Amino acid sequence: MALQHAVSGERIALQRDDTDIAHFTSIALIKTDHLELIRLVLPKEKPMPEHRLEGEMTLVCLEGEIAVDAHGRTTILQPNEMVYLAGGEPHAIRANQDAVALMTILLGQGRSGGAASEARAARPDSTGPA
């Protein structure tokens, strides 16, 4: 069964459920030709190794504490803080404490696979829908 993405005007709940931290879960909430919105659950013990996304992205920390390694430095995000990264910028993401984040990626024309696929590919140990 294919994952249902939200449609225009639909309310989207961002809170995690009680089992999310136990298993890495990447959920693509919205996917269009030009935009992908993903809710990431980042357990402290499962860092996302360095990778690149084709499109520009923002990462908003909703809960916990997230470290983003990019541009030769580490940026720490607390709840209600965000970081922007240009397309193609190598970056790694890890949770200093179990965390939930909202990632927005602008997709270029002719792009295939989607950012959630890239995020899963960067995390060979990840499971769960995208």
C-alpha atoms as a PDB file:
ATOM      1  CA  MET A   1       0.000   0.000   0.000  1.00  0.00           C
ATOM      2  CA  ALA A   2       1.399   3.405  -1.017  1.00  0.00           C
ATOM      3  CA  LEU A   3       1.975   6.071   1.594  1.00  0.00           C
ATOM      4  CA  GLN A   4      -0.762   8.710   1.591  1.00  0.00           C
ATOM      5  CA  HIS A   5       0.629  12.226   1.412  1.00  0.00           C
ATOM      6  CA  ALA A   6      -1.326  15.231   2.620  1.00  0.00           C
ATOM      7  CA  VAL A   7      -3.289  17.252   0.106  1.00  0.00           C
ATOM      8  CA  SER A   8      -3.676  21.011  -0.124  1.00  0.00           C
ATOM      9  CA  GLY A   9      -5.593  22.389   2.867  1.00  0.00           C
ATOM     10  CA  GLU A  10      -5.290  19.224   4.966  1.00  0.00           C
ATOM     11  CA  ARG A  11      -4.207  19.498   8.632  1.00  0.00           C
ATOM     12  CA  ILE A  12      -0.982  17.592   9.437  1.00  0.00           C
ATOM     13  CA  ALA A  13      -0.103  16.386  12.943  1.00  0.00           C
ATOM     14  CA  LEU A  14       3.630  16.661  13.654  1.00  0.00           C
ATOM     15  CA  GLN A  15       3.802  15.040  17.079  1.00  0.00           C
ATOM     16  CA  ARG A  16       5.481  11.639  17.289  1.00  0.00           C
ATOM     17  CA  ASP A  17       3.819   8.589  18.672  1.00  0.00           C
ATOM     18  CA  ASP A  18       5.255   6.707  21.642  1.00  0.00           C
ATOM     19  CA  THR A  19       7.088   4.106  19.540  1.00  0.00           C
ATOM     20  CA  ASP A  20       8.882   6.461  17.120  1.00  0.00           C
ATOM     21  CA  ILE A  21      12.075   6.949  19.117  1.00  0.00           C
ATOM     22  CA  ALA A  22      12.570   3.178  19.418  1.00  0.00           C
ATOM     23  CA  HIS A  23      12.773   2.854  15.614  1.00  0.00           C
ATOM     24  CA  PHE A  24      14.028   5.480  13.160  1.00  0.00           C
ATOM     25  CA  THR A  25      10.984   6.665  11.226  1.00  0.00           C
ATOM     26  CA  SER A  26      11.082   9.011   8.268  1.00  0.00           C
ATOM     27  CA  ILE A  27       7.620  10.021   7.103  1.00  0.00           C
ATOM     28  CA  ALA A  28       7.144  12.039   3.926  1.00  0.00           C
ATOM     29  CA  LEU A  29       4.156  14.202   4.822  1.00  0.00           C
ATOM     30  CA  ILE A  30       3.913  16.054   1.504  1.00  0.00           C
ATOM     31  CA  LYS A  31       5.491  15.304  -1.849  1.00  0.00           C
ATOM     32  CA  THR A  32       4.955  17.382  -4.983  1.00  0.00           C
ATOM     33  CA  ASP A  33       7.068  17.980  -8.073  1.00  0.00           C
ATOM     34  CA  HIS A  34       8.852  20.844  -6.296  1.00  0.00           C
ATOM     35  CA  LEU A  35       8.578  20.233  -2.535  1.00  0.00           C
ATOM     36  CA  GLU A  36       9.027  17.435  -0.032  1.00  0.00           C
ATOM     37  CA  LEU A  37       8.148  17.803   3.657  1.00  0.00           C
ATOM     38  CA  ILE A  38       9.444  15.079   5.973  1.00  0.00           C
ATOM     39  CA  ARG A  39       8.958  14.469   9.686  1.00  0.00           C
ATOM     40  CA  LEU A  40      12.170  12.902  10.993  1.00  0.00           C
ATOM     41  CA  VAL A  41      12.478  11.027  14.257  1.00  0.00           C
ATOM     42  CA  LEU A  42      16.144  10.978  15.268  1.00  0.00           C
ATOM     43  CA  PRO A  43      17.127   8.620  18.089  1.00  0.00           C
ATOM     44  CA  LYS A  44      20.324   9.649  19.871  1.00  0.00           C
ATOM     45  CA  GLU A  45      22.081   6.395  19.013  1.00  0.00           C
ATOM     46  CA  LYS A  46      21.361   6.482  15.248  1.00  0.00           C
ATOM     47  CA  PRO A  47      23.205   9.347  13.506  1.00  0.00           C
ATOM     48  CA  MET A  48      22.574  10.113   9.839  1.00  0.00           C
ATOM     49  CA  PRO A  49      26.000   9.950   8.110  1.00  0.00           C
ATOM     50  CA  GLU A  50      27.236  12.646   5.765  1.00  0.00           C
ATOM     51  CA  HIS A  51      25.242  12.885   2.547  1.00  0.00           C
ATOM     52  CA  ARG A  52      23.987  15.494   0.081  1.00  0.00           C
ATOM     53  CA  LEU A  53      20.548  16.442  -1.136  1.00  0.00           C
ATOM     54  CA  GLU A  54      20.114  17.945  -4.559  1.00  0.00           C
ATOM     55  CA  GLY A  55      17.621  20.564  -3.393  1.00  0.00           C
ATOM     56  CA  GLU A  56      17.803  23.355  -0.850  1.00  0.00           C
ATOM     57  CA  MET A  57      16.564  22.324   2.573  1.00  0.00           C
ATOM     58  CA  THR A  58      15.561  23.566   5.980  1.00  0.00           C
ATOM     59  CA  LEU A  59      15.599  21.528   9.163  1.00  0.00           C
ATOM     60  CA  VAL A  60      13.448  22.666  12.106  1.00  0.00           C
ATOM     61  CA  CYS A  61      13.966  21.056  15.521  1.00  0.00           C
ATOM     62  CA  LEU A  62      10.569  20.316  17.072  1.00  0.00           C
ATOM     63  CA  GLU A  63      11.725  18.313  20.089  1.00  0.00           C
ATOM     64  CA  GLY A  64      15.078  17.273  21.599  1.00  0.00           C
ATOM     65  CA  GLU A  65      18.469  18.558  20.423  1.00  0.00           C
ATOM     66  CA  ILE A  66      19.966  18.118  16.956  1.00  0.00           C
ATOM     67  CA  ALA A  67      23.548  18.629  15.757  1.00  0.00           C
ATOM     68  CA  VAL A  68      23.995  19.451  12.063  1.00  0.00           C
ATOM     69  CA  ASP A  69      27.526  19.155  10.679  1.00  0.00           C
ATOM     70  CA  ALA A  70      27.915  21.333   7.557  1.00  0.00           C
ATOM     71  CA  HIS A  71      30.215  24.064   6.266  1.00  0.00           C
ATOM     72  CA  GLY A  72      33.039  22.755   8.453  1.00  0.00           C
ATOM     73  CA  ARG A  73      31.191  23.426  11.707  1.00  0.00           C
ATOM     74  CA  THR A  74      28.477  21.987  13.933  1.00  0.00           C
ATOM     75  CA  THR A  75      25.216  23.865  14.437  1.00  0.00           C
ATOM     76  CA  ILE A  76      23.160  22.831  17.472  1.00  0.00           C
ATOM     77  CA  LEU A  77      19.391  23.136  17.131  1.00  0.00           C
ATOM     78  CA  GLN A  78      17.034  23.344  20.104  1.00  0.00           C
ATOM     79  CA  PRO A  79      13.226  23.224  19.756  1.00  0.00           C
ATOM     80  CA  ASN A  80      11.897  26.042  17.569  1.00  0.00           C
ATOM     81  CA  GLU A  81      15.288  26.647  15.919  1.00  0.00           C
ATOM     82  CA  MET A  82      16.162  25.853  12.309  1.00  0.00           C
ATOM     83  CA  VAL A  83      18.988  25.721   9.821  1.00  0.00           C
ATOM     84  CA  TYR A  84      19.028  26.259   6.045  1.00  0.00           C
ATOM     85  CA  LEU A  85      21.391  24.372   3.728  1.00  0.00           C
ATOM     86  CA  ALA A  86      22.004  25.048   0.052  1.00  0.00           C
ATOM     87  CA  GLY A  87      21.426  22.225  -2.398  1.00  0.00           C
ATOM     88  CA  GLY A  88      24.382  19.858  -2.709  1.00  0.00           C
ATOM     89  CA  GLU A  89      25.902  20.916   0.643  1.00  0.00           C
ATOM     90  CA  PRO A  90      27.398  17.848   2.373  1.00  0.00           C
ATOM     91  CA  HIS A  91      25.945  17.442   5.851  1.00  0.00           C
ATOM     92  CA  ALA A  92      25.490  14.935   8.662  1.00  0.00           C
ATOM     93  CA  ILE A  93      22.718  14.995  11.248  1.00  0.00           C
ATOM     94  CA  ARG A  94      22.687  13.490  14.721  1.00  0.00           C
ATOM     95  CA  ALA A  95      20.571  13.861  17.823  1.00  0.00           C
ATOM     96  CA  ASN A  96      22.376  14.887  21.018  1.00  0.00           C
ATOM     97  CA  GLN A  97      19.162  13.745  22.714  1.00  0.00           C
ATOM     98  CA  ASP A  98      16.258  11.920  21.085  1.00  0.00           C
ATOM     99  CA  ALA A  99      14.721  14.401  18.663  1.00  0.00           C
ATOM    100  CA  VAL A 100      11.942  15.095  16.187  1.00  0.00           C
ATOM    101  CA  ALA A 101      12.491  17.449  13.251  1.00  0.00           C
ATOM    102  CA  LEU A 102      10.656  18.835  10.267  1.00  0.00           C
ATOM    103  CA  MET A 103      12.679  18.840   7.037  1.00  0.00           C
ATOM    104  CA  THR A 104      11.594  20.790   3.961  1.00  0.00           C
ATOM    105  CA  ILE A 105      13.366  20.147   0.652  1.00  0.00           C
ATOM    106  CA  LEU A 106      12.909  22.066  -2.574  1.00  0.00           C
ATOM    107  CA  LEU A 107      13.044  19.608  -5.444  1.00  0.00           C
ATOM    108  CA  GLY A 108      14.479  20.492  -8.827  1.00  0.00           C
ATOM    109  CA  GLN A 109      12.790  19.710 -12.105  1.00  0.00           C
ATOM    110  CA  GLY A 110      13.641  16.264 -13.424  1.00  0.00           C
ATOM    111  CA  ARG A 111      14.393  14.977  -9.936  1.00  0.00           C
ATOM    112  CA  SER A 112      13.437  11.387  -9.160  1.00  0.00           C
ATOM    113  CA  GLY A 113      13.472   9.260  -6.036  1.00  0.00           C
ATOM    114  CA  GLY A 114      12.773  12.040  -3.570  1.00  0.00           C
ATOM    115  CA  ALA A 115      14.698  13.201  -0.540  1.00  0.00           C
ATOM    116  CA  ALA A 116      13.228  10.549   1.747  1.00  0.00           C
ATOM    117  CA  SER A 117      14.784   7.945  -0.548  1.00  0.00           C
ATOM    118  CA  GLU A 118      18.132   9.739  -0.258  1.00  0.00           C
ATOM    119  CA  ALA A 119      17.781   9.952   3.522  1.00  0.00           C
ATOM    120  CA  ARG A 120      17.073   6.204   3.682  1.00  0.00           C
ATOM    121  CA  ALA A 121      19.997   5.474   1.354  1.00  0.00           C
ATOM    122  CA  ALA A 122      22.282   7.484   3.639  1.00  0.00           C
ATOM    123  CA  ARG A 123      21.057   5.369   6.591  1.00  0.00           C
ATOM    124  CA  PRO A 124      21.470   1.697   5.694  1.00  0.00           C
ATOM    125  CA  ASP A 125      20.142   0.735   9.149  1.00  0.00           C
ATOM    126  CA  SER A 126      16.934   2.737   8.799  1.00  0.00           C
ATOM    127  CA  THR A 127      13.561   1.137   8.618  1.00  0.00           C
ATOM    128  CA  GLY A 128      10.069   2.399   8.263  1.00  0.00           C
ATOM    129  CA  PRO A 129       8.057   4.130   5.587  1.00  0.00           C
ATOM    130  CA  ALA A 130       9.127   7.221   3.730  1.00  0.00           C
END
